[in-house]
């Protein structure tokens, strides 16, 4: 029923090979495919475990989302015309208290329209909880063979999407020895004050303001 409903509702853009469990509880989708004009997404497995009963208490509690074997392929298409004007992030309020104990992605590939690999990540791990206009990020980690980023902190939607983040990063095989260090960002999301530190192979620190982060980023 779920397979047929999704396929019919999406006009054939979403296809699922198999469904196990119950969507209102613990479930797993096998061989999920989403076809859009700009992108094609293939997922080997998509599993979830959540407590719908907590919705009656004003809470959205998700114990786990486990995703494996994701391939995102971008397609060539007509350029989207610019709407003009600066992008503004409106104040946002979470209608429910939300908690995500674990979102884990294993193997994510981004490919260009010609099949070339744009990005490969081995793991993505996310944990957060939020209430009202505040979101606490316990962990946001993206790790791949050549790049790694892990941050934690907070986001306040009501204060121009104010961020307060701390974390670390690493780069490998970019024409030099492996680099690793720390990073931080504080302030409105579109123009935070940022600091980047290199711990290895040298001790370097760069600090400044990022302007127009969501459109045409500039470092000042």
N, C-alpha and C. Protein backbone atom coordinates (compact mmCIF):
# COMPACT_ATOMS: atom_id res chain seq x y z
N UNK A 1 0.83 -1.20 0.00
CA UNK A 1 0.00 0.00 0.00
C UNK A 1 0.87 1.25 0.00
N UNK A 2 1.90 1.25 0.86
CA UNK A 2 2.79 2.41 0.95
C UNK A 2 3.49 2.66 -0.38
N UNK A 3 3.97 1.58 -1.00
CA UNK A 3 4.67 1.72 -2.28
C UNK A 3 3.77 2.33 -3.34
N UNK A 4 2.55 1.79 -3.47
CA UNK A 4 1.63 2.27 -4.49
C UNK A 4 1.18 3.71 -4.21
N UNK A 5 0.96 4.02 -2.93
CA UNK A 5 0.51 5.37 -2.56
C UNK A 5 1.57 6.41 -2.88
N UNK A 6 2.83 6.13 -2.51
CA UNK A 6 3.91 7.06 -2.79
C UNK A 6 4.11 7.25 -4.29
N UNK A 7 4.06 6.16 -5.03
CA UNK A 7 4.26 6.25 -6.47
C UNK A 7 3.14 7.06 -7.12
N UNK A 8 1.91 6.83 -6.68
CA UNK A 8 0.78 7.56 -7.25
C UNK A 8 0.80 9.03 -6.85
N UNK A 9 1.08 9.30 -5.58
CA UNK A 9 1.10 10.66 -5.07
C UNK A 9 2.19 11.50 -5.74
N UNK A 10 3.34 10.86 -6.03
CA UNK A 10 4.48 11.57 -6.62
C UNK A 10 4.45 11.60 -8.14
N UNK A 11 3.43 11.02 -8.73
CA UNK A 11 3.37 10.98 -10.19
C UNK A 11 4.45 10.10 -10.78
N UNK A 12 4.85 9.06 -10.04
CA UNK A 12 5.87 8.14 -10.53
C UNK A 12 7.30 8.60 -10.28
N UNK A 13 7.48 9.74 -9.61
CA UNK A 13 8.83 10.24 -9.36
C UNK A 13 9.52 9.53 -8.20
N UNK A 14 8.73 8.87 -7.34
CA UNK A 14 9.29 8.12 -6.21
C UNK A 14 8.95 6.65 -6.38
N UNK A 15 9.97 5.80 -6.27
CA UNK A 15 9.76 4.35 -6.39
C UNK A 15 10.47 3.65 -5.24
N UNK A 16 9.83 2.62 -4.68
CA UNK A 16 10.39 1.84 -3.58
C UNK A 16 10.24 0.36 -3.91
N UNK A 17 11.33 -0.41 -3.74
CA UNK A 17 11.28 -1.83 -4.07
C UNK A 17 10.58 -2.64 -2.98
N UNK A 18 10.80 -2.27 -1.70
CA UNK A 18 10.20 -3.05 -0.61
C UNK A 18 10.08 -2.18 0.64
N UNK A 19 9.07 -2.51 1.47
CA UNK A 19 8.84 -1.81 2.73
C UNK A 19 8.70 -2.84 3.84
N UNK A 20 9.42 -2.65 4.93
CA UNK A 20 9.32 -3.53 6.09
C UNK A 20 8.94 -2.71 7.31
N UNK A 21 8.14 -3.31 8.21
CA UNK A 21 7.76 -2.62 9.43
C UNK A 21 6.57 -1.71 9.23
N UNK A 22 6.42 -0.75 10.15
CA UNK A 22 5.31 0.20 10.11
C UNK A 22 5.85 1.61 10.07
N UNK A 23 5.28 2.45 9.20
CA UNK A 23 5.73 3.83 9.11
C UNK A 23 5.47 4.58 10.41
N UNK A 24 4.46 4.18 11.17
CA UNK A 24 4.18 4.78 12.48
C UNK A 24 4.90 3.97 13.56
N UNK A 25 6.22 4.00 13.49
CA UNK A 25 7.02 3.24 14.44
C UNK A 25 8.39 2.96 13.85
N UNK A 26 8.73 1.67 13.73
CA UNK A 26 10.02 1.28 13.15
C UNK A 26 9.78 0.72 11.75
N UNK A 27 10.56 1.21 10.78
CA UNK A 27 10.35 0.79 9.40
C UNK A 27 11.67 0.83 8.63
N UNK A 28 11.65 0.20 7.47
CA UNK A 28 12.80 0.26 6.56
C UNK A 28 12.31 0.20 5.12
N UNK A 29 12.82 1.13 4.30
CA UNK A 29 12.51 1.15 2.88
C UNK A 29 13.73 0.63 2.13
N UNK A 30 13.49 -0.20 1.13
CA UNK A 30 14.57 -0.79 0.33
C UNK A 30 14.53 -0.23 -1.09
N UNK A 31 15.72 0.11 -1.60
CA UNK A 31 15.88 0.56 -2.99
C UNK A 31 14.93 1.71 -3.31
N UNK A 32 15.15 2.82 -2.64
CA UNK A 32 14.35 4.02 -2.85
C UNK A 32 14.97 4.86 -3.97
N UNK A 33 14.12 5.34 -4.86
CA UNK A 33 14.60 6.16 -5.98
C UNK A 33 13.67 7.37 -6.15
N UNK A 34 14.29 8.54 -6.26
CA UNK A 34 13.55 9.78 -6.48
C UNK A 34 14.08 10.44 -7.74
N UNK A 35 13.21 10.67 -8.71
CA UNK A 35 13.60 11.27 -9.98
C UNK A 35 12.96 12.65 -10.11
N UNK A 36 13.80 13.68 -10.15
CA UNK A 36 13.36 15.05 -10.34
C UNK A 36 14.05 15.62 -11.57
N UNK A 37 13.53 16.70 -12.13
CA UNK A 37 14.15 17.27 -13.34
C UNK A 37 15.63 17.63 -13.13
N UNK A 38 15.99 18.13 -11.94
CA UNK A 38 17.35 18.59 -11.71
C UNK A 38 18.26 17.55 -11.11
N UNK A 39 17.69 16.49 -10.50
CA UNK A 39 18.53 15.55 -9.76
C UNK A 39 17.84 14.19 -9.66
N UNK A 40 18.68 13.16 -9.59
CA UNK A 40 18.21 11.80 -9.35
C UNK A 40 18.85 11.29 -8.07
N UNK A 41 18.04 10.71 -7.17
CA UNK A 41 18.54 10.23 -5.89
C UNK A 41 18.22 8.74 -5.75
N UNK A 42 19.26 7.96 -5.47
CA UNK A 42 19.09 6.53 -5.23
C UNK A 42 19.58 6.20 -3.83
N UNK A 43 18.80 5.43 -3.08
CA UNK A 43 19.13 5.05 -1.71
C UNK A 43 18.92 3.55 -1.56
N UNK A 44 19.96 2.85 -1.10
CA UNK A 44 19.84 1.40 -0.91
C UNK A 44 18.86 1.07 0.21
N UNK A 45 19.06 1.68 1.39
CA UNK A 45 18.15 1.44 2.51
C UNK A 45 17.89 2.74 3.26
N UNK A 46 16.66 2.92 3.71
CA UNK A 46 16.25 4.07 4.51
C UNK A 46 15.41 3.54 5.65
N UNK A 47 15.96 3.60 6.86
CA UNK A 47 15.26 3.07 8.02
C UNK A 47 14.97 4.14 9.04
N UNK A 48 13.87 4.01 9.76
CA UNK A 48 13.49 4.97 10.78
C UNK A 48 12.90 4.30 11.99
N UNK A 49 13.03 4.97 13.14
CA UNK A 49 12.45 4.48 14.38
C UNK A 49 12.02 5.70 15.19
N UNK A 50 10.71 5.90 15.36
CA UNK A 50 10.23 7.08 16.06
C UNK A 50 8.99 6.74 16.89
N UNK A 51 8.57 7.70 17.74
CA UNK A 51 7.46 7.47 18.67
C UNK A 51 6.31 8.41 18.34
N UNK A 52 5.37 7.99 17.51
CA UNK A 52 4.25 8.86 17.14
C UNK A 52 3.37 9.23 18.34
N UNK A 53 3.35 8.41 19.39
CA UNK A 53 2.52 8.71 20.55
C UNK A 53 2.94 9.99 21.24
N UNK A 54 4.21 10.35 21.13
CA UNK A 54 4.71 11.57 21.77
C UNK A 54 4.19 12.84 21.10
N UNK A 55 3.62 12.71 19.90
CA UNK A 55 3.03 13.86 19.25
C UNK A 55 1.89 14.43 20.09
N UNK A 56 1.20 13.56 20.84
CA UNK A 56 0.11 14.01 21.70
C UNK A 56 0.62 14.86 22.86
N UNK A 57 1.93 14.74 23.14
CA UNK A 57 2.55 15.53 24.20
C UNK A 57 3.28 16.75 23.63
N UNK A 58 3.08 17.01 22.34
CA UNK A 58 3.73 18.14 21.70
C UNK A 58 5.19 17.90 21.39
N UNK A 59 5.56 16.62 21.23
CA UNK A 59 6.96 16.28 20.97
C UNK A 59 7.07 15.42 19.72
N UNK A 60 8.08 15.71 18.92
CA UNK A 60 8.45 14.85 17.80
C UNK A 60 9.77 14.20 18.17
N UNK A 61 9.70 12.94 18.57
CA UNK A 61 10.89 12.22 19.04
C UNK A 61 11.26 11.15 18.02
N UNK A 62 12.45 11.30 17.45
CA UNK A 62 12.96 10.34 16.46
C UNK A 62 14.16 9.65 17.06
N UNK A 63 14.02 8.37 17.32
CA UNK A 63 15.11 7.62 17.93
C UNK A 63 16.26 7.43 16.95
N UNK A 64 15.92 7.13 15.69
CA UNK A 64 17.00 6.89 14.73
C UNK A 64 16.50 7.00 13.30
N UNK A 65 17.36 7.52 12.45
CA UNK A 65 17.19 7.46 11.01
C UNK A 65 18.50 6.92 10.45
N UNK A 66 18.45 5.78 9.81
CA UNK A 66 19.64 5.14 9.27
C UNK A 66 19.50 5.00 7.76
N UNK A 67 20.46 5.59 7.04
CA UNK A 67 20.42 5.62 5.58
C UNK A 67 21.74 5.06 5.06
N UNK A 68 21.67 4.25 4.02
CA UNK A 68 22.90 3.65 3.47
C UNK A 68 22.83 3.65 1.95
N UNK A 69 24.02 3.83 1.34
CA UNK A 69 24.13 3.72 -0.11
C UNK A 69 23.39 4.80 -0.87
N UNK A 70 23.77 6.07 -0.65
CA UNK A 70 23.10 7.19 -1.29
C UNK A 70 23.92 7.68 -2.48
N UNK A 71 23.29 7.78 -3.63
CA UNK A 71 23.94 8.32 -4.83
C UNK A 71 23.05 9.44 -5.37
N UNK A 72 23.59 10.66 -5.40
CA UNK A 72 22.87 11.83 -5.90
C UNK A 72 23.52 12.26 -7.20
N UNK A 73 22.76 12.24 -8.29
CA UNK A 73 23.28 12.59 -9.60
C UNK A 73 22.58 13.84 -10.11
N UNK A 74 23.35 14.90 -10.34
CA UNK A 74 22.78 16.15 -10.84
C UNK A 74 22.62 16.07 -12.35
N UNK A 75 21.57 16.70 -12.85
CA UNK A 75 21.29 16.68 -14.28
C UNK A 75 21.42 18.07 -14.86
N UNK A 76 21.84 18.14 -16.10
CA UNK A 76 21.87 19.43 -16.79
C UNK A 76 20.44 19.89 -17.03
N UNK A 77 20.22 21.18 -16.85
CA UNK A 77 18.88 21.72 -17.07
C UNK A 77 18.97 23.20 -17.32
N UNK A 78 17.86 23.82 -17.65
CA UNK A 78 17.86 25.26 -17.89
C UNK A 78 18.21 26.03 -16.63
N UNK A 79 18.96 27.10 -16.78
CA UNK A 79 19.34 27.91 -15.64
C UNK A 79 18.12 28.58 -15.03
N UNK A 80 18.09 28.61 -13.71
CA UNK A 80 16.98 29.25 -13.01
C UNK A 80 17.23 30.75 -12.92
N UNK A 81 16.34 31.55 -13.42
CA UNK A 81 16.57 32.99 -13.38
C UNK A 81 16.62 33.52 -11.96
N UNK A 82 17.46 34.52 -11.74
CA UNK A 82 17.59 35.12 -10.42
C UNK A 82 16.36 35.96 -10.11
N UNK A 83 15.91 35.87 -8.86
CA UNK A 83 14.73 36.64 -8.47
C UNK A 83 15.11 38.06 -8.07
N UNK A 84 16.42 38.29 -7.89
CA UNK A 84 16.88 39.63 -7.52
C UNK A 84 16.66 39.90 -6.05
N UNK A 85 17.45 40.83 -5.52
CA UNK A 85 17.31 41.17 -4.11
C UNK A 85 18.07 40.21 -3.23
N UNK A 86 18.37 40.66 -2.03
CA UNK A 86 19.13 39.85 -1.10
C UNK A 86 18.25 38.78 -0.45
N UNK A 87 18.85 37.64 -0.17
CA UNK A 87 18.14 36.56 0.49
C UNK A 87 18.02 36.86 1.98
N UNK A 88 16.81 36.77 2.50
CA UNK A 88 16.57 37.05 3.91
C UNK A 88 15.95 35.81 4.57
N UNK A 89 16.52 35.42 5.71
CA UNK A 89 16.00 34.30 6.46
C UNK A 89 14.99 34.81 7.48
N UNK A 90 13.73 34.40 7.37
CA UNK A 90 12.70 34.92 8.28
C UNK A 90 12.82 34.25 9.66
N UNK A 91 12.28 34.91 10.71
CA UNK A 91 12.21 34.25 12.02
C UNK A 91 11.43 32.95 11.90
N UNK A 92 11.83 31.97 12.67
CA UNK A 92 11.23 30.64 12.56
C UNK A 92 10.96 30.10 13.95
N UNK A 93 9.82 29.42 14.12
CA UNK A 93 9.44 28.88 15.42
C UNK A 93 9.05 27.42 15.23
N UNK A 94 9.70 26.53 15.98
CA UNK A 94 9.38 25.12 15.90
C UNK A 94 8.02 24.86 16.54
N UNK A 95 7.06 24.33 15.79
CA UNK A 95 5.72 24.11 16.35
C UNK A 95 5.69 23.00 17.40
N UNK A 96 6.70 22.11 17.37
CA UNK A 96 6.78 21.01 18.32
C UNK A 96 8.18 20.97 18.92
N UNK A 97 8.26 20.45 20.12
CA UNK A 97 9.58 20.14 20.69
C UNK A 97 10.12 18.94 19.92
N UNK A 98 11.33 19.04 19.41
CA UNK A 98 11.86 18.01 18.53
C UNK A 98 13.18 17.47 19.06
N UNK A 99 13.36 16.17 18.91
CA UNK A 99 14.61 15.53 19.31
C UNK A 99 14.96 14.45 18.31
N UNK A 100 16.15 14.54 17.76
CA UNK A 100 16.67 13.52 16.85
C UNK A 100 17.88 12.89 17.52
N UNK A 101 17.72 11.66 17.98
CA UNK A 101 18.81 10.99 18.69
C UNK A 101 19.95 10.58 17.77
N UNK A 102 19.59 10.19 16.55
CA UNK A 102 20.64 9.77 15.62
C UNK A 102 20.15 9.80 14.18
N UNK A 103 20.89 10.51 13.34
CA UNK A 103 20.73 10.39 11.89
C UNK A 103 22.07 9.96 11.36
N UNK A 104 22.13 8.77 10.79
CA UNK A 104 23.40 8.21 10.31
C UNK A 104 23.28 7.87 8.83
N UNK A 105 24.18 8.41 8.05
CA UNK A 105 24.27 8.09 6.62
C UNK A 105 25.59 7.38 6.38
N UNK A 106 25.53 6.27 5.71
CA UNK A 106 26.73 5.51 5.39
C UNK A 106 26.88 5.45 3.87
N UNK A 107 27.90 6.12 3.38
CA UNK A 107 28.23 6.19 1.95
C UNK A 107 27.28 7.12 1.19
N UNK A 108 27.78 8.32 0.91
CA UNK A 108 27.06 9.31 0.10
C UNK A 108 27.95 9.76 -1.04
N UNK A 109 27.44 9.65 -2.25
CA UNK A 109 28.17 10.10 -3.44
C UNK A 109 27.38 11.18 -4.15
N UNK A 110 28.07 12.26 -4.52
CA UNK A 110 27.49 13.29 -5.37
C UNK A 110 28.16 13.19 -6.73
N UNK A 111 27.36 13.08 -7.79
CA UNK A 111 27.90 12.92 -9.14
C UNK A 111 27.37 14.02 -10.06
N UNK A 112 28.22 14.41 -11.01
CA UNK A 112 27.80 15.37 -12.01
C UNK A 112 26.98 14.71 -13.09
N UNK A 113 26.46 15.51 -14.01
CA UNK A 113 25.62 14.98 -15.08
C UNK A 113 26.36 14.02 -15.99
N UNK A 114 27.71 14.14 -16.04
CA UNK A 114 28.51 13.24 -16.87
C UNK A 114 28.99 12.01 -16.11
N UNK A 115 28.52 11.85 -14.87
CA UNK A 115 28.89 10.69 -14.08
C UNK A 115 30.13 10.88 -13.24
N UNK A 116 30.79 12.02 -13.34
CA UNK A 116 32.01 12.26 -12.58
C UNK A 116 31.68 12.44 -11.09
N UNK A 117 32.60 12.00 -10.25
CA UNK A 117 32.39 12.10 -8.81
C UNK A 117 32.73 13.50 -8.33
N UNK A 118 31.76 14.16 -7.69
CA UNK A 118 31.96 15.50 -7.16
C UNK A 118 32.37 15.47 -5.69
N UNK A 119 31.79 14.51 -4.95
CA UNK A 119 32.07 14.42 -3.52
C UNK A 119 31.74 13.01 -3.05
N UNK A 120 32.60 12.49 -2.16
CA UNK A 120 32.37 11.19 -1.57
C UNK A 120 32.50 11.32 -0.05
N UNK A 121 31.45 10.93 0.66
CA UNK A 121 31.47 10.93 2.11
C UNK A 121 31.22 9.51 2.60
N UNK A 122 32.05 9.08 3.55
CA UNK A 122 31.86 7.75 4.14
C UNK A 122 30.73 7.76 5.15
N UNK A 123 30.68 8.81 5.98
CA UNK A 123 29.66 8.87 7.03
C UNK A 123 29.15 10.29 7.23
N UNK A 124 27.89 10.39 7.61
CA UNK A 124 27.29 11.63 8.10
C UNK A 124 26.55 11.26 9.38
N UNK A 125 26.86 11.97 10.46
CA UNK A 125 26.20 11.71 11.74
C UNK A 125 25.65 13.02 12.29
N UNK A 126 24.36 13.02 12.66
CA UNK A 126 23.70 14.23 13.14
C UNK A 126 22.87 13.89 14.38
N UNK A 127 22.98 14.75 15.39
CA UNK A 127 22.12 14.68 16.58
C UNK A 127 21.74 16.11 16.96
N UNK A 128 20.45 16.34 17.19
CA UNK A 128 20.04 17.67 17.61
C UNK A 128 18.73 17.60 18.40
N UNK A 129 18.42 18.70 19.08
CA UNK A 129 17.16 18.85 19.79
C UNK A 129 16.77 20.32 19.75
N UNK A 130 15.48 20.57 19.67
CA UNK A 130 15.06 21.95 19.53
C UNK A 130 13.71 22.21 20.16
N UNK A 131 13.51 23.48 20.53
CA UNK A 131 12.24 23.90 21.09
C UNK A 131 12.06 25.39 20.83
N UNK A 132 10.89 25.78 20.36
CA UNK A 132 10.64 27.19 20.07
C UNK A 132 11.54 27.68 18.94
N UNK A 133 12.32 28.70 19.23
CA UNK A 133 13.21 29.27 18.21
C UNK A 133 14.65 28.80 18.37
N UNK A 134 14.89 27.83 19.27
CA UNK A 134 16.25 27.38 19.54
C UNK A 134 16.48 25.95 19.09
N UNK A 135 17.64 25.74 18.49
CA UNK A 135 18.06 24.41 18.07
C UNK A 135 19.45 24.14 18.61
N UNK A 136 19.58 23.09 19.41
CA UNK A 136 20.87 22.68 19.95
C UNK A 136 21.43 21.54 19.10
N UNK A 137 22.59 21.78 18.52
CA UNK A 137 23.23 20.79 17.66
C UNK A 137 24.27 20.04 18.49
N UNK A 138 23.95 18.80 18.85
CA UNK A 138 24.88 18.00 19.64
C UNK A 138 26.04 17.51 18.80
N UNK A 139 25.75 17.19 17.55
CA UNK A 139 26.81 16.71 16.66
C UNK A 139 26.37 16.84 15.21
N UNK A 140 27.23 17.39 14.39
CA UNK A 140 27.04 17.44 12.95
C UNK A 140 28.38 17.09 12.33
N UNK A 141 28.50 15.86 11.85
CA UNK A 141 29.79 15.35 11.38
C UNK A 141 29.66 14.81 9.96
N UNK A 142 30.56 15.26 9.09
CA UNK A 142 30.67 14.76 7.72
C UNK A 142 32.11 14.30 7.53
N UNK A 143 32.28 13.00 7.23
CA UNK A 143 33.62 12.43 7.12
C UNK A 143 33.76 11.65 5.82
N UNK A 144 34.83 11.96 5.08
CA UNK A 144 35.12 11.27 3.84
C UNK A 144 36.59 10.94 3.75
N UNK A 145 37.00 10.29 2.66
CA UNK A 145 38.41 9.93 2.51
C UNK A 145 39.34 11.14 2.46
N UNK A 146 38.86 12.27 1.92
CA UNK A 146 39.73 13.44 1.73
C UNK A 146 39.29 14.68 2.49
N UNK A 147 38.13 14.63 3.14
CA UNK A 147 37.63 15.81 3.84
C UNK A 147 36.84 15.36 5.07
N UNK A 148 36.93 16.15 6.13
CA UNK A 148 36.18 15.85 7.33
C UNK A 148 35.83 17.12 8.08
N UNK A 149 34.60 17.22 8.55
CA UNK A 149 34.14 18.36 9.33
C UNK A 149 33.22 17.84 10.44
N UNK A 150 33.42 18.35 11.66
CA UNK A 150 32.54 18.00 12.78
C UNK A 150 32.33 19.24 13.63
N UNK A 151 31.08 19.60 13.85
CA UNK A 151 30.77 20.80 14.65
C UNK A 151 29.65 20.49 15.64
N UNK A 152 29.56 21.35 16.66
CA UNK A 152 28.46 21.32 17.61
C UNK A 152 28.19 22.75 18.05
N UNK A 153 27.00 22.97 18.59
CA UNK A 153 26.68 24.33 19.00
C UNK A 153 25.19 24.59 19.02
N UNK A 154 24.81 25.82 18.69
CA UNK A 154 23.41 26.21 18.80
C UNK A 154 23.02 27.16 17.68
N UNK A 155 21.71 27.20 17.40
CA UNK A 155 21.14 28.07 16.38
C UNK A 155 19.88 28.70 16.94
N UNK A 156 19.78 30.03 16.84
CA UNK A 156 18.61 30.77 17.32
C UNK A 156 17.92 31.40 16.11
N UNK A 157 16.77 30.85 15.72
CA UNK A 157 16.06 31.31 14.53
C UNK A 157 15.52 32.73 14.70
N UNK A 158 15.27 33.12 15.93
CA UNK A 158 14.62 34.41 16.19
C UNK A 158 15.60 35.58 16.19
N UNK A 159 16.89 35.30 16.20
CA UNK A 159 17.92 36.34 16.22
C UNK A 159 18.70 36.32 14.89
N UNK A 160 17.96 36.48 13.79
CA UNK A 160 18.57 36.45 12.47
C UNK A 160 19.34 35.16 12.23
N UNK A 161 18.78 34.05 12.73
CA UNK A 161 19.39 32.73 12.61
C UNK A 161 20.82 32.77 13.16
N UNK A 162 20.93 33.24 14.40
CA UNK A 162 22.23 33.40 15.05
C UNK A 162 22.85 32.02 15.32
N UNK A 163 24.09 31.84 14.91
CA UNK A 163 24.80 30.58 15.11
C UNK A 163 25.91 30.77 16.13
N UNK A 164 26.20 29.71 16.83
CA UNK A 164 27.33 29.65 17.76
C UNK A 164 27.90 28.25 17.67
N UNK A 165 28.90 28.07 16.82
CA UNK A 165 29.40 26.75 16.48
C UNK A 165 30.89 26.61 16.77
N UNK A 166 31.28 25.41 17.20
CA UNK A 166 32.67 25.05 17.39
C UNK A 166 32.90 23.70 16.74
N UNK A 167 34.10 23.48 16.22
CA UNK A 167 34.35 22.18 15.61
C UNK A 167 35.77 22.02 15.13
N UNK A 168 35.97 20.95 14.36
CA UNK A 168 37.28 20.66 13.79
C UNK A 168 37.13 20.22 12.35
N UNK A 169 38.23 20.22 11.62
CA UNK A 169 38.21 19.89 10.20
C UNK A 169 39.53 19.22 9.80
N UNK A 170 39.51 18.59 8.62
CA UNK A 170 40.73 18.01 8.06
C UNK A 170 40.62 17.94 6.54
N UNK A 171 41.76 18.04 5.87
CA UNK A 171 41.84 17.92 4.42
C UNK A 171 43.01 17.01 4.07
N UNK A 172 42.79 16.11 3.09
CA UNK A 172 43.82 15.17 2.66
C UNK A 172 43.88 15.17 1.13
N UNK A 173 45.09 15.06 0.58
CA UNK A 173 45.29 14.91 -0.87
C UNK A 173 44.80 16.10 -1.68
N UNK A 174 45.03 17.29 -1.18
CA UNK A 174 44.71 18.49 -1.94
C UNK A 174 45.99 19.21 -2.36
N UNK A 175 46.97 18.43 -2.77
CA UNK A 175 48.22 19.00 -3.25
C UNK A 175 49.22 19.31 -2.15
N UNK A 176 48.92 18.88 -0.92
CA UNK A 176 49.83 19.13 0.19
C UNK A 176 49.61 18.05 1.25
N UNK A 177 50.44 18.08 2.28
CA UNK A 177 50.28 17.12 3.37
C UNK A 177 48.94 17.33 4.06
N UNK A 178 48.52 16.32 4.79
CA UNK A 178 47.24 16.42 5.48
C UNK A 178 47.22 17.64 6.40
N UNK A 179 46.11 18.39 6.30
CA UNK A 179 45.89 19.54 7.16
C UNK A 179 44.76 19.21 8.12
N UNK A 180 44.88 19.69 9.35
CA UNK A 180 43.80 19.53 10.30
C UNK A 180 43.83 20.68 11.29
N UNK A 181 42.65 21.02 11.81
CA UNK A 181 42.60 22.15 12.72
C UNK A 181 41.22 22.34 13.31
N UNK A 182 40.97 23.54 13.79
CA UNK A 182 39.71 23.87 14.46
C UNK A 182 38.98 24.97 13.71
N UNK A 183 37.72 25.16 14.04
CA UNK A 183 36.93 26.18 13.39
C UNK A 183 35.83 26.65 14.35
N UNK A 184 35.38 27.89 14.16
CA UNK A 184 34.27 28.41 14.95
C UNK A 184 33.54 29.47 14.14
N UNK A 185 32.28 29.68 14.47
CA UNK A 185 31.47 30.71 13.81
C UNK A 185 30.46 31.23 14.81
N UNK A 186 30.34 32.56 14.90
CA UNK A 186 29.41 33.19 15.81
C UNK A 186 28.76 34.40 15.12
N UNK A 187 27.42 34.49 15.23
CA UNK A 187 26.73 35.62 14.64
C UNK A 187 25.62 35.19 13.70
N UNK A 188 24.99 36.13 13.00
CA UNK A 188 23.94 35.79 12.03
C UNK A 188 24.46 34.82 10.98
N UNK A 189 23.63 33.87 10.59
CA UNK A 189 24.06 32.84 9.65
C UNK A 189 24.59 33.41 8.34
N UNK A 190 24.00 34.53 7.86
CA UNK A 190 24.43 35.07 6.58
C UNK A 190 25.69 35.92 6.68
N UNK A 191 26.13 36.25 7.92
CA UNK A 191 27.33 37.07 8.06
C UNK A 191 28.00 36.82 9.41
N UNK A 192 28.47 35.59 9.64
CA UNK A 192 29.06 35.28 10.94
C UNK A 192 30.52 35.73 11.06
N UNK A 193 30.96 35.87 12.30
CA UNK A 193 32.37 36.04 12.57
C UNK A 193 32.97 34.65 12.67
N UNK A 194 34.01 34.39 11.89
CA UNK A 194 34.56 33.04 11.79
C UNK A 194 36.04 33.02 12.13
N UNK A 195 36.48 31.90 12.68
CA UNK A 195 37.89 31.69 12.99
C UNK A 195 38.28 30.31 12.50
N UNK A 196 39.43 30.24 11.83
CA UNK A 196 39.93 28.98 11.30
C UNK A 196 41.35 28.77 11.80
N UNK A 197 41.56 27.68 12.48
CA UNK A 197 42.88 27.38 13.01
C UNK A 197 43.46 26.14 12.37
N UNK A 198 44.76 26.18 12.07
CA UNK A 198 45.48 25.02 11.55
C UNK A 198 46.40 24.52 12.65
N UNK A 199 46.24 23.26 13.05
CA UNK A 199 47.06 22.67 14.09
C UNK A 199 48.22 21.87 13.53
N UNK A 200 48.03 21.31 12.34
CA UNK A 200 49.06 20.48 11.72
C UNK A 200 48.97 20.63 10.21
N UNK A 201 50.12 20.76 9.52
CA UNK A 201 51.50 20.61 9.99
C UNK A 201 52.09 21.89 10.60
N UNK A 202 51.36 23.00 10.60
CA UNK A 202 51.85 24.25 11.18
C UNK A 202 50.79 24.82 12.09
N UNK A 203 51.17 25.79 12.90
CA UNK A 203 50.23 26.44 13.82
C UNK A 203 49.86 27.80 13.25
N UNK A 204 48.64 27.88 12.65
CA UNK A 204 48.18 29.09 11.98
C UNK A 204 46.75 29.38 12.42
N UNK A 205 46.42 30.66 12.55
CA UNK A 205 45.05 31.05 12.89
C UNK A 205 44.63 32.25 12.04
N UNK A 206 43.46 32.12 11.43
CA UNK A 206 42.89 33.20 10.61
C UNK A 206 41.52 33.54 11.17
N UNK A 207 41.24 34.82 11.31
CA UNK A 207 39.97 35.24 11.90
C UNK A 207 39.41 36.42 11.13
N UNK A 208 38.10 36.45 10.94
CA UNK A 208 37.48 37.55 10.21
C UNK A 208 35.98 37.38 10.10
N UNK A 209 35.35 38.22 9.30
CA UNK A 209 33.91 38.18 9.10
C UNK A 209 33.58 37.68 7.70
N UNK A 210 32.57 36.83 7.63
CA UNK A 210 32.09 36.34 6.35
C UNK A 210 30.84 37.13 5.98
N UNK A 211 30.82 37.72 4.80
CA UNK A 211 29.70 38.55 4.35
C UNK A 211 28.97 37.84 3.23
N UNK A 212 27.63 37.93 3.24
CA UNK A 212 26.80 37.33 2.18
C UNK A 212 27.06 35.84 2.02
N UNK A 213 27.12 35.13 3.14
CA UNK A 213 27.42 33.69 3.11
C UNK A 213 26.45 32.90 2.25
N UNK A 214 25.18 33.29 2.23
CA UNK A 214 24.15 32.51 1.54
C UNK A 214 24.03 32.88 0.06
N UNK A 215 24.76 33.91 -0.39
CA UNK A 215 24.67 34.31 -1.79
C UNK A 215 26.05 34.31 -2.46
N UNK A 216 26.83 35.32 -2.19
CA UNK A 216 28.19 35.42 -2.74
C UNK A 216 29.15 35.68 -1.60
N UNK A 217 29.63 34.62 -0.95
CA UNK A 217 30.44 34.78 0.26
C UNK A 217 31.72 35.57 0.00
N UNK A 218 32.03 36.48 0.94
CA UNK A 218 33.26 37.25 0.91
C UNK A 218 33.85 37.25 2.30
N UNK A 219 35.18 37.18 2.37
CA UNK A 219 35.90 37.19 3.64
C UNK A 219 36.48 38.57 3.86
N UNK A 220 36.16 39.17 5.02
CA UNK A 220 36.68 40.50 5.32
C UNK A 220 37.46 40.51 6.62
